[in-house]
Amino acid sequence: KYIGVWAEYTFSDDVPETELIINNIDGNKVDYEIMFYRLAGYYNQTAY
C-alpha cells in the first residue's frame, strides 16, 4: 500500500517541496526515489 508518490507541501498546494516515490516493494526490497524541489534528485535507489 506504500507504493506510490508521497509528497511534502510547504510553500504551495500545487508544487511539493519534497517527494518520495516508492516504485516497487518486493519482499523486504524497496525501489525508491527522493526529489527535493530545485535542489537535488536521487533516482534508481534500492534499500531494505
ModelCIF file with pLDDT and N, C-alpha, C, O atoms, coordinates in Angstrom:
data_MODEL
#
_entry.id   MODEL 
#
_entity.id                         1 
_entity.type                       polymer 
_entity.pdbx_number_of_molecules   1 
#
_entity_poly.entity_id                      1 
_entity_poly.type                           'polypeptide(L)' 
_entity_poly.nstd_linkage                   no 
_entity_poly.nstd_monomer                   no 
_entity_poly.pdbx_seq_one_letter_code       KYIGVWAEYTFSDDVPETELIINNIDGNKVDYEIMFYRLAGYYNQTAY 
_entity_poly.pdbx_seq_one_letter_code_can   KYIGVWAEYTFSDDVPETELIINNIDGNKVDYEIMFYRLAGYYNQTAY 
_entity_poly.pdbx_strand_id                 A 
#
loop_
_entity_poly_seq.entity_id 
_entity_poly_seq.num 
_entity_poly_seq.mon_id 
_entity_poly_seq.hetero 
1 1  LYS n 
1 2  TYR n 
1 3  ILE n 
1 4  GLY n 
1 5  VAL n 
1 6  TRP n 
1 7  ALA n 
1 8  GLU n 
1 9  TYR n 
1 10 THR n 
1 11 PHE n 
1 12 SER n 
1 13 ASP n 
1 14 ASP n 
1 15 VAL n 
1 16 PRO n 
1 17 GLU n 
1 18 THR n 
1 19 GLU n 
1 20 LEU n 
1 21 ILE n 
1 22 ILE n 
1 23 ASN n 
1 24 ASN n 
1 25 ILE n 
1 26 ASP n 
1 27 GLY n 
1 28 ASN n 
1 29 LYS n 
1 30 VAL n 
1 31 ASP n 
1 32 TYR n 
1 33 GLU n 
1 34 ILE n 
1 35 MET n 
1 36 PHE n 
1 37 TYR n 
1 38 ARG n 
1 39 LEU n 
1 40 ALA n 
1 41 GLY n 
1 42 TYR n 
1 43 TYR n 
1 44 ASN n 
1 45 GLN n 
1 46 THR n 
1 47 ALA n 
1 48 TYR n 
#
_struct_asym.id          A 
_struct_asym.entity_id   1 
#
loop_
_ma_qa_metric.id 
_ma_qa_metric.mode 
_ma_qa_metric.name 
_ma_qa_metric.software_group_id 
_ma_qa_metric.type 
1 global pLDDT . pLDDT 
2 local  pLDDT . pLDDT 
#
_ma_qa_metric_global.metric_id      1 
_ma_qa_metric_global.metric_value   78.60 
_ma_qa_metric_global.model_id       1 
_ma_qa_metric_global.ordinal_id     1 
#
loop_
_ma_qa_metric_local.label_asym_id 
_ma_qa_metric_local.label_comp_id 
_ma_qa_metric_local.label_seq_id 
_ma_qa_metric_local.metric_id 
_ma_qa_metric_local.metric_value 
_ma_qa_metric_local.model_id 
_ma_qa_metric_local.ordinal_id 
A LYS 1  2 85.00 1 1  
A TYR 2  2 87.00 1 2  
A ILE 3  2 87.00 1 3  
A GLY 4  2 85.00 1 4  
A VAL 5  2 85.00 1 5  
A TRP 6  2 85.00 1 6  
A ALA 7  2 80.00 1 7  
A GLU 8  2 77.00 1 8  
A TYR 9  2 65.00 1 9  
A THR 10 2 57.00 1 10 
A PHE 11 2 48.00 1 11 
A SER 12 2 51.00 1 12 
A ASP 13 2 52.00 1 13 
A ASP 14 2 57.00 1 14 
A VAL 15 2 62.00 1 15 
A PRO 16 2 69.00 1 16 
A GLU 17 2 77.00 1 17 
A THR 18 2 83.00 1 18 
A GLU 19 2 85.00 1 19 
A LEU 20 2 88.00 1 20 
A ILE 21 2 88.00 1 21 
A ILE 22 2 90.00 1 22 
A ASN 23 2 86.00 1 23 
A ASN 24 2 85.00 1 24 
A ILE 25 2 86.00 1 25 
A ASP 26 2 79.00 1 26 
A GLY 27 2 76.00 1 27 
A ASN 28 2 78.00 1 28 
A LYS 29 2 82.00 1 29 
A VAL 30 2 88.00 1 30 
A ASP 31 2 87.00 1 31 
A TYR 32 2 89.00 1 32 
A GLU 33 2 88.00 1 33 
A ILE 34 2 87.00 1 34 
A MET 35 2 84.00 1 35 
A PHE 36 2 82.00 1 36 
A TYR 37 2 74.00 1 37 
A ARG 38 2 66.00 1 38 
A LEU 39 2 74.00 1 39 
A ALA 40 2 77.00 1 40 
A GLY 41 2 80.00 1 41 
A TYR 42 2 83.00 1 42 
A TYR 43 2 81.00 1 43 
A ASN 44 2 79.00 1 44 
A GLN 45 2 85.00 1 45 
A THR 46 2 85.00 1 46 
A ALA 47 2 85.00 1 47 
A TYR 48 2 84.00 1 48 
#
loop_
_atom_site.group_PDB 
_atom_site.id 
_atom_site.type_symbol 
_atom_site.label_atom_id 
_atom_site.label_alt_id 
_atom_site.label_comp_id 
_atom_site.label_asym_id 
_atom_site.label_entity_id 
_atom_site.label_seq_id 
_atom_site.pdbx_PDB_ins_code 
_atom_site.Cartn_x 
_atom_site.Cartn_y 
_atom_site.Cartn_z 
_atom_site.occupancy 
_atom_site.B_iso_or_equiv 
_atom_site.pdbx_formal_charge 
_atom_site.auth_seq_id 
_atom_site.auth_comp_id 
_atom_site.auth_asym_id 
_atom_site.auth_atom_id 
_atom_site.pdbx_PDB_model_num 
ATOM 1   N N  . LYS A 1 1  ? 0.817  -1.218 0.000  1.00 85.00 ? 1  LYS A N  1 
ATOM 2   C CA . LYS A 1 1  ? 0.000  0.000  0.000  1.00 85.00 ? 1  LYS A CA 1 
ATOM 3   C C  . LYS A 1 1  ? 0.851  1.269  0.000  1.00 85.00 ? 1  LYS A C  1 
ATOM 4   O O  . LYS A 1 1  ? 0.351  2.359  -0.281 1.00 85.00 ? 1  LYS A O  1 
ATOM 5   N N  . TYR A 1 2  ? 2.135  1.123  0.315  1.00 87.00 ? 2  TYR A N  1 
ATOM 6   C CA . TYR A 1 2  ? 3.016  2.294  0.348  1.00 87.00 ? 2  TYR A CA 1 
ATOM 7   C C  . TYR A 1 2  ? 3.612  2.607  -1.021 1.00 87.00 ? 2  TYR A C  1 
ATOM 8   O O  . TYR A 1 2  ? 4.285  3.626  -1.180 1.00 87.00 ? 2  TYR A O  1 
ATOM 9   N N  . ILE A 1 3  ? 3.376  1.751  -2.008 1.00 87.00 ? 3  ILE A N  1 
ATOM 10  C CA . ILE A 1 3  ? 3.866  2.029  -3.356 1.00 87.00 ? 3  ILE A CA 1 
ATOM 11  C C  . ILE A 1 3  ? 3.123  3.247  -3.914 1.00 87.00 ? 3  ILE A C  1 
ATOM 12  O O  . ILE A 1 3  ? 1.895  3.309  -3.861 1.00 87.00 ? 3  ILE A O  1 
ATOM 13  N N  . GLY A 1 4  ? 3.863  4.196  -4.439 1.00 85.00 ? 4  GLY A N  1 
ATOM 14  C CA . GLY A 1 4  ? 3.256  5.407  -4.975 1.00 85.00 ? 4  GLY A CA 1 
ATOM 15  C C  . GLY A 1 4  ? 4.089  6.625  -4.659 1.00 85.00 ? 4  GLY A C  1 
ATOM 16  O O  . GLY A 1 4  ? 5.256  6.516  -4.284 1.00 85.00 ? 4  GLY A O  1 
ATOM 17  N N  . VAL A 1 5  ? 3.481  7.787  -4.815 1.00 85.00 ? 5  VAL A N  1 
ATOM 18  C CA . VAL A 1 5  ? 4.170  9.060  -4.633 1.00 85.00 ? 5  VAL A CA 1 
ATOM 19  C C  . VAL A 1 5  ? 3.714  9.716  -3.337 1.00 85.00 ? 5  VAL A C  1 
ATOM 20  O O  . VAL A 1 5  ? 2.520  9.929  -3.125 1.00 85.00 ? 5  VAL A O  1 
ATOM 21  N N  . TRP A 1 6  ? 4.672  10.035 -2.472 1.00 85.00 ? 6  TRP A N  1 
ATOM 22  C CA . TRP A 1 6  ? 4.409  10.701 -1.206 1.00 85.00 ? 6  TRP A CA 1 
ATOM 23  C C  . TRP A 1 6  ? 5.030  12.089 -1.270 1.00 85.00 ? 6  TRP A C  1 
ATOM 24  O O  . TRP A 1 6  ? 6.159  12.248 -1.733 1.00 85.00 ? 6  TRP A O  1 
ATOM 25  N N  . ALA A 1 7  ? 4.296  13.087 -0.806 1.00 80.00 ? 7  ALA A N  1 
ATOM 26  C CA . ALA A 1 7  ? 4.743  14.465 -1.011 1.00 80.00 ? 7  ALA A CA 1 
ATOM 27  C C  . ALA A 1 7  ? 4.648  15.298 0.257  1.00 80.00 ? 7  ALA A C  1 
ATOM 28  O O  . ALA A 1 7  ? 3.828  15.043 1.139  1.00 80.00 ? 7  ALA A O  1 
ATOM 29  N N  . GLU A 1 8  ? 5.520  16.309 0.317  1.00 77.00 ? 8  GLU A N  1 
ATOM 30  C CA . GLU A 1 8  ? 5.502  17.305 1.391  1.00 77.00 ? 8  GLU A CA 1 
ATOM 31  C C  . GLU A 1 8  ? 5.202  18.661 0.761  1.00 77.00 ? 8  GLU A C  1 
ATOM 32  O O  . GLU A 1 8  ? 5.945  19.124 -0.105 1.00 77.00 ? 8  GLU A O  1 
ATOM 33  N N  . TYR A 1 9  ? 4.111  19.299 1.196  1.00 65.00 ? 9  TYR A N  1 
ATOM 34  C CA . TYR A 1 9  ? 3.732  20.608 0.681  1.00 65.00 ? 9  TYR A CA 1 
ATOM 35  C C  . TYR A 1 9  ? 4.024  21.655 1.753  1.00 65.00 ? 9  TYR A C  1 
ATOM 36  O O  . TYR A 1 9  ? 3.461  21.616 2.847  1.00 65.00 ? 9  TYR A O  1 
ATOM 37  N N  . THR A 1 10 ? 4.913  22.591 1.421  1.00 57.00 ? 10 THR A N  1 
ATOM 38  C CA . THR A 1 10 ? 5.289  23.624 2.385  1.00 57.00 ? 10 THR A CA 1 
ATOM 39  C C  . THR A 1 10 ? 4.914  25.013 1.902  1.00 57.00 ? 10 THR A C  1 
ATOM 40  O O  . THR A 1 10 ? 4.261  25.775 2.615  1.00 57.00 ? 10 THR A O  1 
ATOM 41  N N  . PHE A 1 11 ? 5.337  25.338 0.674  1.00 48.00 ? 11 PHE A N  1 
ATOM 42  C CA . PHE A 1 11 ? 5.119  26.698 0.199  1.00 48.00 ? 11 PHE A CA 1 
ATOM 43  C C  . PHE A 1 11 ? 4.032  26.790 -0.872 1.00 48.00 ? 11 PHE A C  1 
ATOM 44  O O  . PHE A 1 11 ? 3.708  27.893 -1.312 1.00 48.00 ? 11 PHE A O  1 
ATOM 45  N N  . SER A 1 12 ? 3.463  25.668 -1.302 1.00 51.00 ? 12 SER A N  1 
ATOM 46  C CA . SER A 1 12 ? 2.447  25.693 -2.341 1.00 51.00 ? 12 SER A CA 1 
ATOM 47  C C  . SER A 1 12 ? 1.584  24.446 -2.247 1.00 51.00 ? 12 SER A C  1 
ATOM 48  O O  . SER A 1 12 ? 2.085  23.370 -1.921 1.00 51.00 ? 12 SER A O  1 
ATOM 49  N N  . ASP A 1 13 ? 0.289  24.577 -2.527 1.00 52.00 ? 13 ASP A N  1 
ATOM 50  C CA . ASP A 1 13 ? -0.602 23.427 -2.545 1.00 52.00 ? 13 ASP A CA 1 
ATOM 51  C C  . ASP A 1 13 ? -0.459 22.631 -3.832 1.00 52.00 ? 13 ASP A C  1 
ATOM 52  O O  . ASP A 1 13 ? -0.925 21.495 -3.916 1.00 52.00 ? 13 ASP A O  1 
ATOM 53  N N  . ASP A 1 14 ? 0.178  23.217 -4.827 1.00 57.00 ? 14 ASP A N  1 
ATOM 54  C CA . ASP A 1 14 ? 0.308  22.559 -6.124 1.00 57.00 ? 14 ASP A CA 1 
ATOM 55  C C  . ASP A 1 14 ? 1.688  21.952 -6.353 1.00 57.00 ? 14 ASP A C  1 
ATOM 56  O O  . ASP A 1 14 ? 1.816  20.927 -7.023 1.00 57.00 ? 14 ASP A O  1 
ATOM 57  N N  . VAL A 1 15 ? 2.720  22.585 -5.797 1.00 62.00 ? 15 VAL A N  1 
ATOM 58  C CA . VAL A 1 15 ? 4.086  22.127 -6.028 1.00 62.00 ? 15 VAL A CA 1 
ATOM 59  C C  . VAL A 1 15 ? 4.673  21.581 -4.731 1.00 62.00 ? 15 VAL A C  1 
ATOM 60  O O  . VAL A 1 15 ? 4.850  22.342 -3.780 1.00 62.00 ? 15 VAL A O  1 
ATOM 61  N N  . PRO A 1 16 ? 4.980  20.289 -4.663 1.00 69.00 ? 16 PRO A N  1 
ATOM 62  C CA . PRO A 1 16 ? 5.561  19.728 -3.435 1.00 69.00 ? 16 PRO A CA 1 
ATOM 63  C C  . PRO A 1 16 ? 7.013  20.148 -3.276 1.00 69.00 ? 16 PRO A C  1 
ATOM 64  O O  . PRO A 1 16 ? 7.757  20.230 -4.253 1.00 69.00 ? 16 PRO A O  1 
ATOM 65  N N  . GLU A 1 17 ? 7.407  20.412 -2.038 1.00 77.00 ? 17 GLU A N  1 
ATOM 66  C CA . GLU A 1 17 ? 8.808  20.754 -1.788 1.00 77.00 ? 17 GLU A CA 1 
ATOM 67  C C  . GLU A 1 17 ? 9.684  19.511 -1.862 1.00 77.00 ? 17 GLU A C  1 
ATOM 68  O O  . GLU A 1 17 ? 10.813 19.568 -2.349 1.00 77.00 ? 17 GLU A O  1 
ATOM 69  N N  . THR A 1 18 ? 9.156  18.377 -1.372 1.00 83.00 ? 18 THR A N  1 
ATOM 70  C CA . THR A 1 18 ? 9.893  17.122 -1.392 1.00 83.00 ? 18 THR A CA 1 
ATOM 71  C C  . THR A 1 18 ? 8.959  15.999 -1.799 1.00 83.00 ? 18 THR A C  1 
ATOM 72  O O  . THR A 1 18 ? 7.788  15.985 -1.418 1.00 83.00 ? 18 THR A O  1 
ATOM 73  N N  . GLU A 1 19 ? 9.479  15.058 -2.575 1.00 85.00 ? 19 GLU A N  1 
ATOM 74  C CA . GLU A 1 19 ? 8.695  13.891 -2.964 1.00 85.00 ? 19 GLU A CA 1 
ATOM 75  C C  . GLU A 1 19 ? 9.486  12.614 -2.697 1.00 85.00 ? 19 GLU A C  1 
ATOM 76  O O  . GLU A 1 19 ? 10.683 12.540 -2.976 1.00 85.00 ? 19 GLU A O  1 
ATOM 77  N N  . LEU A 1 20 ? 8.807  11.624 -2.161 1.00 88.00 ? 20 LEU A N  1 
ATOM 78  C CA . LEU A 1 20 ? 9.345  10.278 -2.011 1.00 88.00 ? 20 LEU A CA 1 
ATOM 79  C C  . LEU A 1 20 ? 8.524  9.368  -2.912 1.00 88.00 ? 20 LEU A C  1 
ATOM 80  O O  . LEU A 1 20 ? 7.315  9.235  -2.719 1.00 88.00 ? 20 LEU A O  1 
ATOM 81  N N  . ILE A 1 21 ? 9.155  8.750  -3.880 1.00 88.00 ? 21 ILE A N  1 
ATOM 82  C CA . ILE A 1 21 ? 8.458  7.863  -4.813 1.00 88.00 ? 21 ILE A CA 1 
ATOM 83  C C  . ILE A 1 21 ? 8.885  6.433  -4.521 1.00 88.00 ? 21 ILE A C  1 
ATOM 84  O O  . ILE A 1 21 ? 10.048 6.081  -4.717 1.00 88.00 ? 21 ILE A O  1 
ATOM 85  N N  . ILE A 1 22 ? 7.968  5.616  -4.059 1.00 90.00 ? 22 ILE A N  1 
ATOM 86  C CA . ILE A 1 22 ? 8.237  4.199  -3.848 1.00 90.00 ? 22 ILE A CA 1 
ATOM 87  C C  . ILE A 1 22 ? 7.722  3.467  -5.087 1.00 90.00 ? 22 ILE A C  1 
ATOM 88  O O  . ILE A 1 22 ? 6.515  3.311  -5.267 1.00 90.00 ? 22 ILE A O  1 
ATOM 89  N N  . ASN A 1 23 ? 8.641  3.023  -5.932 1.00 86.00 ? 23 ASN A N  1 
ATOM 90  C CA . ASN A 1 23 ? 8.274  2.428  -7.212 1.00 86.00 ? 23 ASN A CA 1 
ATOM 91  C C  . ASN A 1 23 ? 7.862  0.966  -7.090 1.00 86.00 ? 23 ASN A C  1 
ATOM 92  O O  . ASN A 1 23 ? 6.975  0.501  -7.806 1.00 86.00 ? 23 ASN A O  1 
ATOM 93  N N  . ASN A 1 24 ? 8.509  0.248  -6.181 1.00 85.00 ? 24 ASN A N  1 
ATOM 94  C CA . ASN A 1 24 ? 8.203  -1.174 -6.053 1.00 85.00 ? 24 ASN A CA 1 
ATOM 95  C C  . ASN A 1 24 ? 8.687  -1.695 -4.707 1.00 85.00 ? 24 ASN A C  1 
ATOM 96  O O  . ASN A 1 24 ? 9.705  -1.245 -4.183 1.00 85.00 ? 24 ASN A O  1 
ATOM 97  N N  . ILE A 1 25 ? 7.935  -2.660 -4.150 1.00 86.00 ? 25 ILE A N  1 
ATOM 98  C CA . ILE A 1 25 ? 8.343  -3.357 -2.932 1.00 86.00 ? 25 ILE A CA 1 
ATOM 99  C C  . ILE A 1 25 ? 8.226  -4.855 -3.194 1.00 86.00 ? 25 ILE A C  1 
ATOM 100 O O  . ILE A 1 25 ? 7.135  -5.365 -3.445 1.00 86.00 ? 25 ILE A O  1 
ATOM 101 N N  . ASP A 1 26 ? 9.347  -5.547 -3.134 1.00 79.00 ? 26 ASP A N  1 
ATOM 102 C CA . ASP A 1 26 ? 9.392  -6.992 -3.367 1.00 79.00 ? 26 ASP A CA 1 
ATOM 103 C C  . ASP A 1 26 ? 9.960  -7.657 -2.117 1.00 79.00 ? 26 ASP A C  1 
ATOM 104 O O  . ASP A 1 26 ? 11.174 -7.670 -1.912 1.00 79.00 ? 26 ASP A O  1 
ATOM 105 N N  . GLY A 1 27 ? 9.085  -8.205 -1.289 1.00 76.00 ? 27 GLY A N  1 
ATOM 106 C CA . GLY A 1 27 ? 9.533  -8.743 -0.004 1.00 76.00 ? 27 GLY A CA 1 
ATOM 107 C C  . GLY A 1 27 ? 10.001 -7.606 0.871  1.00 76.00 ? 27 GLY A C  1 
ATOM 108 O O  . GLY A 1 27 ? 9.215  -6.729 1.228  1.00 76.00 ? 27 GLY A O  1 
ATOM 109 N N  . ASN A 1 28 ? 11.284 -7.612 1.224  1.00 78.00 ? 28 ASN A N  1 
ATOM 110 C CA . ASN A 1 28 ? 11.825 -6.509 2.025  1.00 78.00 ? 28 ASN A CA 1 
ATOM 111 C C  . ASN A 1 28 ? 12.684 -5.558 1.194  1.00 78.00 ? 28 ASN A C  1 
ATOM 112 O O  . ASN A 1 28 ? 13.332 -4.661 1.733  1.00 78.00 ? 28 ASN A O  1 
ATOM 113 N N  . LYS A 1 29 ? 12.682 -5.761 -0.114 1.00 82.00 ? 29 LYS A N  1 
ATOM 114 C CA . LYS A 1 29 ? 13.453 -4.912 -1.008 1.00 82.00 ? 29 LYS A CA 1 
ATOM 115 C C  . LYS A 1 29 ? 12.585 -3.774 -1.542 1.00 82.00 ? 29 LYS A C  1 
ATOM 116 O O  . LYS A 1 29 ? 11.475 -4.006 -2.022 1.00 82.00 ? 29 LYS A O  1 
ATOM 117 N N  . VAL A 1 30 ? 13.097 -2.538 -1.455 1.00 88.00 ? 30 VAL A N  1 
ATOM 118 C CA . VAL A 1 30 ? 12.338 -1.353 -1.852 1.00 88.00 ? 30 VAL A CA 1 
ATOM 119 C C  . VAL A 1 30 ? 13.106 -0.587 -2.932 1.00 88.00 ? 30 VAL A C  1 
ATOM 120 O O  . VAL A 1 30 ? 14.278 -0.256 -2.753 1.00 88.00 ? 30 VAL A O  1 
ATOM 121 N N  . ASP A 1 31 ? 12.433 -0.308 -4.056 1.00 87.00 ? 31 ASP A N  1 
ATOM 122 C CA . ASP A 1 31 ? 12.981 0.566  -5.092 1.00 87.00 ? 31 ASP A CA 1 
ATOM 123 C C  . ASP A 1 31 ? 12.334 1.940  -4.918 1.00 87.00 ? 31 ASP A C  1 
ATOM 124 O O  . ASP A 1 31 ? 11.108 2.058  -4.929 1.00 87.00 ? 31 ASP A O  1 
ATOM 125 N N  . TYR A 1 32 ? 13.149 2.968  -4.759 1.00 89.00 ? 32 TYR A N  1 
ATOM 126 C CA . TYR A 1 32 ? 12.590 4.281  -4.413 1.00 89.00 ? 32 TYR A CA 1 
ATOM 127 C C  . TYR A 1 32 ? 13.377 5.412  -5.050 1.00 89.00 ? 32 TYR A C  1 
ATOM 128 O O  . TYR A 1 32 ? 14.472 5.213  -5.576 1.00 89.00 ? 32 TYR A O  1 
ATOM 129 N N  . GLU A 1 33 ? 12.792 6.609  -4.993 1.00 88.00 ? 33 GLU A N  1 
ATOM 130 C CA . GLU A 1 33 ? 13.437 7.835  -5.452 1.00 88.00 ? 33 GLU A CA 1 
ATOM 131 C C  . GLU A 1 33 ? 13.055 8.962  -4.495 1.00 88.00 ? 33 GLU A C  1 
ATOM 132 O O  . GLU A 1 33 ? 11.967 8.951  -3.917 1.00 88.00 ? 33 GLU A O  1 
ATOM 133 N N  . ILE A 1 34 ? 13.951 9.931  -4.330 1.00 87.00 ? 34 ILE A N  1 
ATOM 134 C CA . ILE A 1 34 ? 13.672 11.100 -3.494 1.00 87.00 ? 34 ILE A CA 1 
ATOM 135 C C  . ILE A 1 34 ? 14.012 12.338 -4.303 1.00 87.00 ? 34 ILE A C  1 
ATOM 136 O O  . ILE A 1 34 ? 15.085 12.421 -4.901 1.00 87.00 ? 34 ILE A O  1 
ATOM 137 N N  . MET A 1 35 ? 13.084 13.316 -4.322 1.00 84.00 ? 35 MET A N  1 
ATOM 138 C CA . MET A 1 35 ? 13.320 14.546 -5.061 1.00 84.00 ? 35 MET A CA 1 
ATOM 139 C C  . MET A 1 35 ? 13.053 15.764 -4.192 1.00 84.00 ? 35 MET A C  1 
ATOM 140 O O  . MET A 1 35 ? 12.010 15.864 -3.545 1.00 84.00 ? 35 MET A O  1 
ATOM 141 N N  . PHE A 1 36 ? 14.005 16.686 -4.185 1.00 82.00 ? 36 PHE A N  1 
ATOM 142 C CA . PHE A 1 36 ? 13.880 17.952 -3.474 1.00 82.00 ? 36 PHE A CA 1 
ATOM 143 C C  . PHE A 1 36 ? 13.737 19.059 -4.511 1.00 82.00 ? 36 PHE A C  1 
ATOM 144 O O  . PHE A 1 36 ? 14.613 19.246 -5.356 1.00 82.00 ? 36 PHE A O  1 
ATOM 145 N N  . TYR A 1 37 ? 12.643 19.782 -4.443 1.00 74.00 ? 37 TYR A N  1 
ATOM 146 C CA . TYR A 1 37 ? 12.303 20.782 -5.462 1.00 74.00 ? 37 TYR A CA 1 
ATOM 147 C C  . TYR A 1 37 ? 13.442 21.777 -5.658 1.00 74.00 ? 37 TYR A C  1 
ATOM 148 O O  . TYR A 1 37 ? 13.835 22.482 -4.729 1.00 74.00 ? 37 TYR A O  1 
ATOM 149 N N  . ARG A 1 38 ? 13.966 21.823 -6.883 1.00 66.00 ? 38 ARG A N  1 
ATOM 150 C CA . ARG A 1 38 ? 15.023 22.748 -7.308 1.00 66.00 ? 38 ARG A CA 1 
ATOM 151 C C  . ARG A 1 38 ? 16.350 22.564 -6.566 1.00 66.00 ? 38 ARG A C  1 
ATOM 152 O O  . ARG A 1 38 ? 17.236 23.411 -6.682 1.00 66.00 ? 38 ARG A O  1 
ATOM 153 N N  . LEU A 1 39 ? 16.503 21.480 -5.810 1.00 74.00 ? 39 LEU A N  1 
ATOM 154 C CA . LEU A 1 39 ? 17.737 21.271 -5.052 1.00 74.00 ? 39 LEU A CA 1 
ATOM 155 C C  . LEU A 1 39 ? 18.510 20.043 -5.511 1.00 74.00 ? 39 LEU A C  1 
ATOM 156 O O  . LEU A 1 39 ? 19.673 20.143 -5.901 1.00 74.00 ? 39 LEU A O  1 
ATOM 157 N N  . ALA A 1 40 ? 17.857 18.876 -5.464 1.00 77.00 ? 40 ALA A N  1 
ATOM 158 C CA . ALA A 1 40 ? 18.570 17.642 -5.779 1.00 77.00 ? 40 ALA A CA 1 
ATOM 159 C C  . ALA A 1 40 ? 17.578 16.530 -6.055 1.00 77.00 ? 40 ALA A C  1 
ATOM 160 O O  . ALA A 1 40 ? 16.414 16.605 -5.659 1.00 77.00 ? 40 ALA A O  1 
ATOM 161 N N  . GLY A 1 41 ? 18.051 15.497 -6.739 1.00 80.00 ? 41 GLY A N  1 
ATOM 162 C CA . GLY A 1 41 ? 17.228 14.329 -7.014 1.00 80.00 ? 41 GLY A CA 1 
ATOM 163 C C  . GLY A 1 41 ? 18.029 13.051 -6.861 1.00 80.00 ? 41 GLY A C  1 
ATOM 164 O O  . GLY A 1 41 ? 19.210 13.001 -7.208 1.00 80.00 ? 41 GLY A O  1 
ATOM 165 N N  . TYR A 1 42 ? 17.379 12.011 -6.337 1.00 83.00 ? 42 TYR A N  1 
ATOM 166 C CA . TYR A 1 42 ? 18.029 10.714 -6.133 1.00 83.00 ? 42 TYR A CA 1 
ATOM 167 C C  . TYR A 1 42 ? 17.180 9.649  -6.807 1.00 83.00 ? 42 TYR A C  1 
ATOM 168 O O  . TYR A 1 42 ? 16.111 9.292  -6.312 1.00 83.00 ? 42 TYR A O  1 
ATOM 169 N N  . TYR A 1 43 ? 17.656 9.143  -7.936 1.00 81.00 ? 43 TYR A N  1 
ATOM 170 C CA . TYR A 1 43 ? 16.882 8.229  -8.757 1.00 81.00 ? 43 TYR A CA 1 
ATOM 171 C C  . TYR A 1 43 ? 17.476 6.822  -8.707 1.00 81.00 ? 43 TYR A C  1 
ATOM 172 O O  . TYR A 1 43 ? 18.658 6.638  -8.418 1.00 81.00 ? 43 TYR A O  1 
ATOM 173 N N  . ASN A 1 44 ? 16.624 5.834  -8.994 1.00 79.00 ? 44 ASN A N  1 
ATOM 174 C CA . ASN A 1 44 ? 17.059 4.432  -9.102 1.00 79.00 ? 44 ASN A CA 1 
ATOM 175 C C  . ASN A 1 44 ? 17.805 3.960  -7.853 1.00 79.00 ? 44 ASN A C  1 
ATOM 176 O O  . ASN A 1 44 ? 18.923 3.452  -7.939 1.00 79.00 ? 44 ASN A O  1 
ATOM 177 N N  . GLN A 1 45 ? 17.175 4.133  -6.701 1.00 85.00 ? 45 GLN A N  1 
ATOM 178 C CA . GLN A 1 45 ? 17.767 3.739  -5.424 1.00 85.00 ? 45 GLN A CA 1 
ATOM 179 C C  . GLN A 1 45 ? 17.109 2.455  -4.903 1.00 85.00 ? 45 GLN A C  1 
ATOM 180 O O  . GLN A 1 45 ? 15.950 2.170  -5.205 1.00 85.00 ? 45 GLN A O  1 
ATOM 181 N N  . THR A 1 46 ? 17.870 1.690  -4.119 1.00 85.00 ? 46 THR A N  1 
ATOM 182 C CA . THR A 1 46 ? 17.367 0.447  -3.534 1.00 85.00 ? 46 THR A CA 1 
ATOM 183 C C  . THR A 1 46 ? 17.760 0.375  -2.062 1.00 85.00 ? 46 THR A C  1 
ATOM 184 O O  . THR A 1 46 ? 18.886 0.717  -1.701 1.00 85.00 ? 46 THR A O  1 
ATOM 185 N N  . ALA A 1 47 ? 16.834 -0.070 -1.213 1.00 85.00 ? 47 ALA A N  1 
ATOM 186 C CA . ALA A 1 47 ? 17.112 -0.270 0.209  1.00 85.00 ? 47 ALA A CA 1 
ATOM 187 C C  . ALA A 1 47 ? 16.225 -1.416 0.699  1.00 85.00 ? 47 ALA A C  1 
ATOM 188 O O  . ALA A 1 47 ? 15.511 -2.032 -0.093 1.00 85.00 ? 47 ALA A O  1 
ATOM 189 N N  . TYR A 1 48 ? 16.268 -1.703 2.002  1.00 84.00 ? 48 TYR A N  1 
ATOM 190 C CA . TYR A 1 48 ? 15.558 -2.856 2.548  1.00 84.00 ? 48 TYR A CA 1 
ATOM 191 C C  . TYR A 1 48 ? 14.796 -2.473 3.821  1.00 84.00 ? 48 TYR A C  1 
ATOM 192 O O  . TYR A 1 48 ? 14.136 -3.320 4.424  1.00 84.00 ? 48 TYR A O  1 
#
